[in-house]
Every structure is written in C-alpha cells, then in structure tokens.
Amino acid sequence: MLALAAALAACAAPALRLEARFRPGETREYRLVADADVRITAGRASTSELSKLVATATIAVEQVTSEGTTLTLTITAKTLTRNGKRNTPPPPQQVRLQVSPAGRVTQITSAGQDLSLDAADIEDLVPLIGPPVPPGRVHVGDRWNQRPVVSSPSPSTGSVSGQTASPSPSPTATPGIEEARLAALRVVGDYDCAVVAISTRRPVVRNRSIGGQPLQLEGLEFAATEIAFAFRPGFPVTVRSSSEARLKVSGGSAQGGEVDITTKTTLTLLRRTVR
C-alpha cells in the first residue's frame, strides 16, 4: 500500500527540465562566502590556518548563439581574513566560460590577466551555471550521474582570490564522478526552485610551497553541494557546498606528511539584470 502511494505521488509530481538559460546582456551577481580550514602535519610538526573570503561573483552573458554561450565570470574580493586577522583583498580576477547548448562548460580561458584561480577553484564556481544536466525531464527523487568539469585556464600553484585554494583535479588520475538527485521543490527568494543535491568524489593533485619548499599534494576530495535552481528562468538562486580533501605530501622535508583541507562555500543571488 505504501509503495502504491509513493508511485501515485511520483506520477502526480511535475516532470522538470533543469536547463540553464541565458539572455544576451544579462548579468547575475552573487554574494560569495568561502571558509577554509587547512591543517598540515609533517612528522611531529603541525600547522593550521583558518581563512574566510567574502566576495562578489558576477556572471555577464557576452554572446548567445546556436553553438553555445560565452560568459565572463568576475570574482571581486571584499574582505579576506586569516586566523582572525584582516588581510588586503587581492584585485578582481576574471575568466571566460564557453557553455554548450546542453548546459556543459566546454572551455575556460583567462580574460587577459595573470590568474591565481586554479582548475578546482573554477570547478567550485561552475554550479553558478546550473546543476549537472540530467538526460531528460526529472521528478523529485530521480538520480543521474555526470563527470565533473575539469579545465584550467593556465598553470597555477596559487590560491583563489588570495585564499587557500582547494586542490586541483589530477590530470592523470581516473576522473571523478558527480551523483545528482532532485531532492525537493521549494520557493527560494521568490523563485520556484528545484533543489538538486550533488555528491562528488574526485582524485586531486596540487603543488604548494610549505616552509619555502615546493611540494606536491595528492589524494581524494569529497564534496556535497545543494543548488536551488530556478527552473523556469533557468539559473541558480543559491549554491551551498562543503568539501574535504585528504592529501599526502611528497618531496622535501615534509615527505610523508598529510594535509587536510576543509571548505564551506555559499553563493547567494543578489540581483539579476537584463539590458
């Protein structure tokens, strides 16, 4: 009887298309808050750093054609703290994204300046385009899989907007996978939203300087993301994610050490305008 009731409820629920949509001249502005906890253990020594970045992430729609959409993503840091102390925010950073008609990011390039964004930092912002695209219409409770986007505009060992960055996907390891589920329907910020829950597991590798020595960090990252996606106009209203990377250190005096990086990121739509 319970199974029949569940089946009837599923049939009554609307079938949705979760497609990203863009209009020429459109601009979307989000508030970005990112917290990172980095713990490094090498032998008997250990260090930790807590950082918090508050920034604005702006997506500008440059061009829409039958072959896809060109977007410019700008990250403008407002405040940056490390271990409770204020740091000078870095200058704005910008990348250009090519999005296919199916809603997949197919290319990422720098927008004409040196970039400290690495591949994983950009991948963390890809949910601003929308959730992983399902193969067709979906109901609440439906699940689907997709390979996460892995692309870097330029080699980098830096950090996102001056903050300790999450690791970069390994170029040689087996690609990770995203598992998505349409968890609920909800009104968020006056928009009818499909709430998509995403779990990601991916191998990562990162170059980092510890104690003045260049080291390589390699391991696994696990992430959980929730996107409130306004399915009628076709854009995210909120994106909340948390991740943990457990990495081994190779090279230098820290050989055999470990690094744990825990991050929490929230993106909230502030305004959307169309010229």
Protein backbone atom coordinates (compact mmCIF):
# COMPACT_ATOMS: atom_id res chain seq x y z
CA MET A 1 0.00 0.00 0.00
CA LEU A 2 2.84 2.41 0.87
CA ALA A 3 4.61 1.57 -2.39
CA LEU A 4 1.44 2.31 -4.34
CA ALA A 5 1.01 5.65 -2.58
CA ALA A 6 4.63 6.56 -3.36
CA ALA A 7 4.15 5.62 -7.00
CA LEU A 8 0.99 7.71 -7.27
CA ALA A 9 2.74 10.67 -5.64
CA ALA A 10 5.63 10.38 -8.11
CA CYS A 11 3.23 10.36 -11.04
CA ALA A 12 1.46 13.46 -9.72
CA ALA A 13 4.71 15.41 -9.28
CA PRO A 14 5.74 17.62 -12.22
CA ALA A 15 8.48 16.47 -14.58
CA LEU A 16 11.06 19.25 -14.91
CA ARG A 17 13.79 20.19 -17.36
CA LEU A 18 16.79 21.56 -15.49
CA GLU A 19 18.29 23.60 -18.30
CA ALA A 20 20.50 26.65 -17.87
CA ARG A 21 19.19 29.63 -19.86
CA PHE A 22 20.96 32.85 -20.81
CA ARG A 23 19.87 36.12 -22.42
CA PRO A 24 22.26 38.47 -24.25
CA GLY A 25 23.24 41.36 -21.99
CA GLU A 26 22.13 39.52 -18.85
CA THR A 27 24.13 39.97 -15.62
CA ARG A 28 23.83 37.91 -12.45
CA GLU A 29 25.54 38.98 -9.24
CA TYR A 30 26.10 36.61 -6.29
CA ARG A 31 27.49 37.04 -2.80
CA LEU A 32 30.30 34.54 -2.22
CA VAL A 33 31.36 33.46 1.27
CA ALA A 34 34.10 30.83 1.49
CA ASP A 35 35.60 29.40 4.69
CA ALA A 36 38.68 27.17 4.58
CA ASP A 37 40.43 25.19 7.31
CA VAL A 38 43.88 23.88 6.29
CA ARG A 39 45.75 21.51 8.61
CA ILE A 40 49.27 20.39 7.72
CA THR A 41 51.05 17.57 9.56
CA ALA A 42 54.68 16.73 8.76
CA GLY A 43 56.46 14.47 11.23
CA ARG A 44 55.94 15.87 14.70
CA ALA A 45 55.21 19.36 13.44
CA SER A 46 51.74 20.58 12.57
CA THR A 47 50.25 23.90 11.49
CA SER A 48 46.76 25.11 10.74
CA GLU A 49 45.15 28.10 9.09
CA LEU A 50 41.57 29.35 9.11
CA SER A 51 40.61 31.75 6.34
CA LYS A 52 37.41 33.49 5.30
CA LEU A 53 36.76 35.18 1.99
CA VAL A 54 33.78 37.42 1.26
CA ALA A 55 33.48 38.36 -2.40
CA THR A 56 31.12 39.10 -5.26
CA ALA A 57 30.84 36.67 -8.18
CA THR A 58 29.39 38.26 -11.31
CA ILE A 59 28.34 36.40 -14.45
CA ALA A 60 27.92 38.52 -17.58
CA VAL A 61 26.39 36.99 -20.72
CA GLU A 62 28.56 38.18 -23.61
CA GLN A 63 27.13 36.22 -26.54
CA VAL A 64 24.41 33.65 -27.21
CA THR A 65 24.46 31.66 -30.47
CA SER A 66 23.16 28.33 -31.72
CA GLU A 67 26.60 26.89 -30.93
CA GLY A 68 26.59 27.96 -27.29
CA THR A 69 27.02 30.85 -24.88
CA THR A 70 30.04 32.96 -23.91
CA LEU A 71 30.12 34.14 -20.29
CA THR A 72 32.52 36.29 -18.31
CA LEU A 73 32.92 35.37 -14.63
CA THR A 74 34.45 38.03 -12.36
CA ILE A 75 35.43 37.44 -8.73
CA THR A 76 35.79 40.64 -6.71
CA ALA A 77 37.09 40.11 -3.19
CA LYS A 78 35.60 42.33 -0.48
CA THR A 79 37.27 41.06 2.70
CA LEU A 80 39.83 38.37 3.50
CA THR A 81 40.85 37.16 6.96
CA ARG A 82 43.40 34.56 8.04
CA ASN A 83 43.34 33.25 11.59
CA GLY A 84 41.14 36.17 12.55
CA LYS A 85 43.44 38.86 11.09
CA ARG A 86 42.38 41.09 8.21
CA ASN A 87 44.41 40.78 5.01
CA THR A 88 44.45 43.05 1.98
CA PRO A 89 41.94 41.71 -0.56
CA PRO A 90 43.51 40.85 -3.94
CA PRO A 91 42.43 42.56 -7.17
CA PRO A 92 39.46 41.24 -9.19
CA GLN A 93 40.00 38.08 -11.21
CA GLN A 94 38.22 37.12 -14.38
CA VAL A 95 37.72 34.08 -16.62
CA ARG A 96 35.72 33.46 -19.78
CA LEU A 97 33.49 30.38 -19.98
CA GLN A 98 32.12 28.67 -23.07
CA VAL A 99 28.85 26.84 -22.36
CA SER A 100 27.35 24.35 -24.81
CA PRO A 101 23.65 24.42 -25.77
CA ALA A 102 23.28 21.41 -23.44
CA GLY A 103 24.50 23.50 -20.48
CA ARG A 104 28.00 21.99 -20.20
CA VAL A 105 31.08 24.16 -19.66
CA THR A 106 33.29 23.22 -22.60
CA GLN A 107 36.13 25.73 -22.32
CA ILE A 108 37.63 28.04 -19.71
CA THR A 109 40.15 30.76 -20.62
CA SER A 110 41.73 33.64 -18.76
CA ALA A 111 40.39 37.08 -19.59
CA GLY A 112 43.72 38.77 -20.25
CA GLN A 113 45.43 38.90 -16.87
CA ASP A 114 47.52 36.71 -14.59
CA LEU A 115 45.29 34.31 -12.75
CA SER A 116 45.60 32.65 -9.35
CA LEU A 117 42.41 30.65 -9.94
CA ASP A 118 43.30 27.01 -10.49
CA ALA A 119 41.14 24.28 -12.01
CA ALA A 120 39.45 23.24 -8.78
CA ASP A 121 38.63 26.82 -7.82
CA ILE A 122 36.86 27.31 -11.12
CA GLU A 123 35.13 23.96 -10.83
CA ASP A 124 33.77 25.05 -7.45
CA LEU A 125 32.11 28.00 -9.24
CA VAL A 126 30.72 26.01 -12.18
CA PRO A 127 27.47 25.32 -10.20
CA LEU A 128 26.69 29.02 -10.85
CA ILE A 129 25.84 27.86 -14.37
CA GLY A 130 23.42 25.24 -13.05
CA PRO A 131 23.28 21.67 -11.74
CA PRO A 132 24.60 18.68 -13.71
CA VAL A 133 22.23 18.38 -16.66
CA PRO A 134 20.02 15.26 -16.47
CA PRO A 135 19.38 13.22 -19.64
CA GLY A 136 15.74 14.37 -19.78
CA ARG A 137 12.86 15.53 -17.60
CA VAL A 138 13.15 14.52 -13.94
CA HIS A 139 10.81 14.08 -10.98
CA VAL A 140 11.53 14.58 -7.28
CA GLY A 141 13.68 11.65 -6.16
CA ASP A 142 15.22 10.96 -9.58
CA ARG A 143 19.00 10.45 -9.74
CA TRP A 144 21.60 10.85 -12.51
CA ASN A 145 25.39 10.90 -12.92
CA GLN A 146 27.81 13.17 -14.72
CA ARG A 147 31.57 13.63 -15.00
CA PRO A 148 32.61 16.89 -13.30
CA VAL A 149 34.20 19.64 -15.38
CA VAL A 150 37.99 19.68 -15.13
CA SER A 151 39.65 22.52 -17.01
CA SER A 152 42.25 25.10 -16.13
CA PRO A 153 42.89 28.42 -17.88
CA SER A 154 46.59 28.43 -17.02
CA PRO A 155 49.07 26.52 -14.85
CA SER A 156 48.79 27.73 -11.28
CA THR A 157 50.07 26.95 -7.83
CA GLY A 158 48.34 29.93 -6.26
CA SER A 159 45.08 30.47 -4.48
CA VAL A 160 41.63 31.75 -5.26
CA SER A 161 41.42 35.47 -4.55
CA GLY A 162 44.24 35.19 -2.03
CA GLN A 163 42.57 32.44 -0.02
CA THR A 164 43.96 28.96 0.43
CA ALA A 165 42.60 27.14 -2.58
CA SER A 166 41.04 23.75 -2.87
CA PRO A 167 43.16 21.16 -4.70
CA SER A 168 43.30 20.85 -8.48
CA PRO A 169 41.96 17.73 -10.17
CA SER A 170 44.73 15.34 -11.08
CA PRO A 171 45.49 15.36 -14.83
CA THR A 172 46.50 11.70 -14.80
CA ALA A 173 44.16 10.12 -12.26
CA THR A 174 40.85 8.46 -13.07
CA PRO A 175 38.19 11.21 -13.44
CA GLY A 176 35.76 11.69 -10.58
CA ILE A 177 32.01 11.50 -10.87
CA GLU A 178 29.07 13.60 -9.72
CA GLU A 179 25.93 11.91 -8.42
CA ALA A 180 22.92 14.23 -8.56
CA ARG A 181 19.42 13.87 -7.08
CA LEU A 182 16.34 16.08 -7.39
CA ALA A 183 15.74 16.35 -3.66
CA ALA A 184 12.79 18.74 -3.41
CA LEU A 185 10.78 21.60 -4.87
CA ARG A 186 10.92 24.82 -2.87
CA VAL A 187 10.36 28.57 -3.14
CA VAL A 188 13.68 30.38 -2.62
CA GLY A 189 13.92 34.15 -2.92
CA ASP A 190 10.52 34.38 -4.67
CA TYR A 191 11.60 31.81 -7.29
CA ASP A 192 10.11 28.34 -7.78
CA CYS A 193 13.21 26.17 -7.39
CA ALA A 194 14.28 22.59 -7.92
CA VAL A 195 16.66 21.66 -5.10
CA VAL A 196 19.40 19.44 -6.51
CA ALA A 197 21.71 17.57 -4.12
CA ILE A 198 25.10 16.61 -5.59
CA SER A 199 27.83 14.40 -4.16
CA THR A 200 31.27 14.41 -5.76
CA ARG A 201 34.35 12.26 -5.32
CA ARG A 202 37.47 13.12 -7.27
CA PRO A 203 41.23 12.47 -7.17
CA VAL A 204 43.25 15.67 -6.85
CA VAL A 205 46.85 16.83 -7.06
CA ARG A 206 48.20 20.20 -6.01
CA ASN A 207 51.56 21.97 -5.88
CA ARG A 208 52.12 24.05 -2.77
CA SER A 209 55.00 25.79 -1.03
CA ILE A 210 55.43 24.70 2.60
CA GLY A 211 58.29 26.25 4.55
CA GLY A 212 59.71 27.63 1.34
CA GLN A 213 59.84 24.20 -0.31
CA PRO A 214 57.76 23.27 -3.35
CA LEU A 215 55.78 20.14 -2.53
CA GLN A 216 53.20 18.01 -4.27
CA LEU A 217 49.96 17.11 -2.52
CA GLU A 218 47.89 14.22 -3.81
CA GLY A 219 44.80 12.40 -2.59
CA LEU A 220 41.00 12.45 -2.70
CA GLU A 221 38.38 15.14 -2.30
CA PHE A 222 34.78 14.55 -1.23
CA ALA A 223 32.15 17.25 -1.69
CA ALA A 224 28.44 17.74 -1.07
CA THR A 225 26.58 20.54 -2.88
CA GLU A 226 22.99 21.79 -2.82
CA ILE A 227 21.74 24.00 -5.64
CA ALA A 228 18.40 25.81 -5.50
CA PHE A 229 17.75 26.15 -9.24
CA ALA A 230 15.02 28.44 -10.58
CA PHE A 231 13.85 26.06 -13.29
CA ARG A 232 11.61 28.47 -15.21
CA PRO A 233 14.16 31.26 -15.93
CA GLY A 234 16.99 28.71 -15.73
CA PHE A 235 19.59 29.86 -13.17
CA PRO A 236 20.74 29.06 -9.59
CA VAL A 237 19.41 31.17 -6.75
CA THR A 238 21.64 29.67 -4.07
CA VAL A 239 24.58 27.25 -4.06
CA ARG A 240 25.85 25.70 -0.82
CA SER A 241 28.75 23.28 -0.75
CA SER A 242 31.14 21.64 1.70
CA SER A 243 34.19 19.57 0.86
CA GLU A 244 37.11 17.79 2.48
CA ALA A 245 40.37 16.82 0.82
CA ARG A 246 42.80 14.40 2.45
CA LEU A 247 46.18 14.68 0.80
CA LYS A 248 49.61 13.10 1.14
CA VAL A 249 52.80 15.14 0.83
CA SER A 250 55.68 14.11 -1.43
CA GLY A 251 59.03 15.87 -1.75
CA GLY A 252 61.17 17.94 0.61
CA SER A 253 61.46 17.56 4.36
CA ALA A 254 57.67 17.12 4.64
CA GLN A 255 57.83 13.84 2.69
CA GLY A 256 55.14 11.53 4.06
CA GLY A 257 53.20 14.33 5.72
CA GLU A 258 49.46 14.93 5.40
CA VAL A 259 47.27 17.91 4.57
CA ASP A 260 43.54 18.13 5.33
CA ILE A 261 41.60 20.93 3.62
CA THR A 262 38.00 21.53 4.66
CA THR A 263 35.98 24.20 2.86
CA LYS A 264 32.46 25.59 3.06
CA THR A 265 31.14 27.87 0.31
CA THR A 266 27.85 29.74 -0.05
CA LEU A 267 26.71 31.65 -3.13
CA THR A 268 23.52 33.72 -2.93
CA LEU A 269 21.90 35.65 -5.77
CA LEU A 270 21.92 39.39 -5.07
CA ARG A 271 20.46 40.73 -8.31
CA ARG A 272 19.81 39.85 -11.93
CA THR A 273 19.51 42.40 -14.71
CA VAL A 274 18.91 42.18 -18.45
CA ARG A 275 19.70 45.06 -20.79
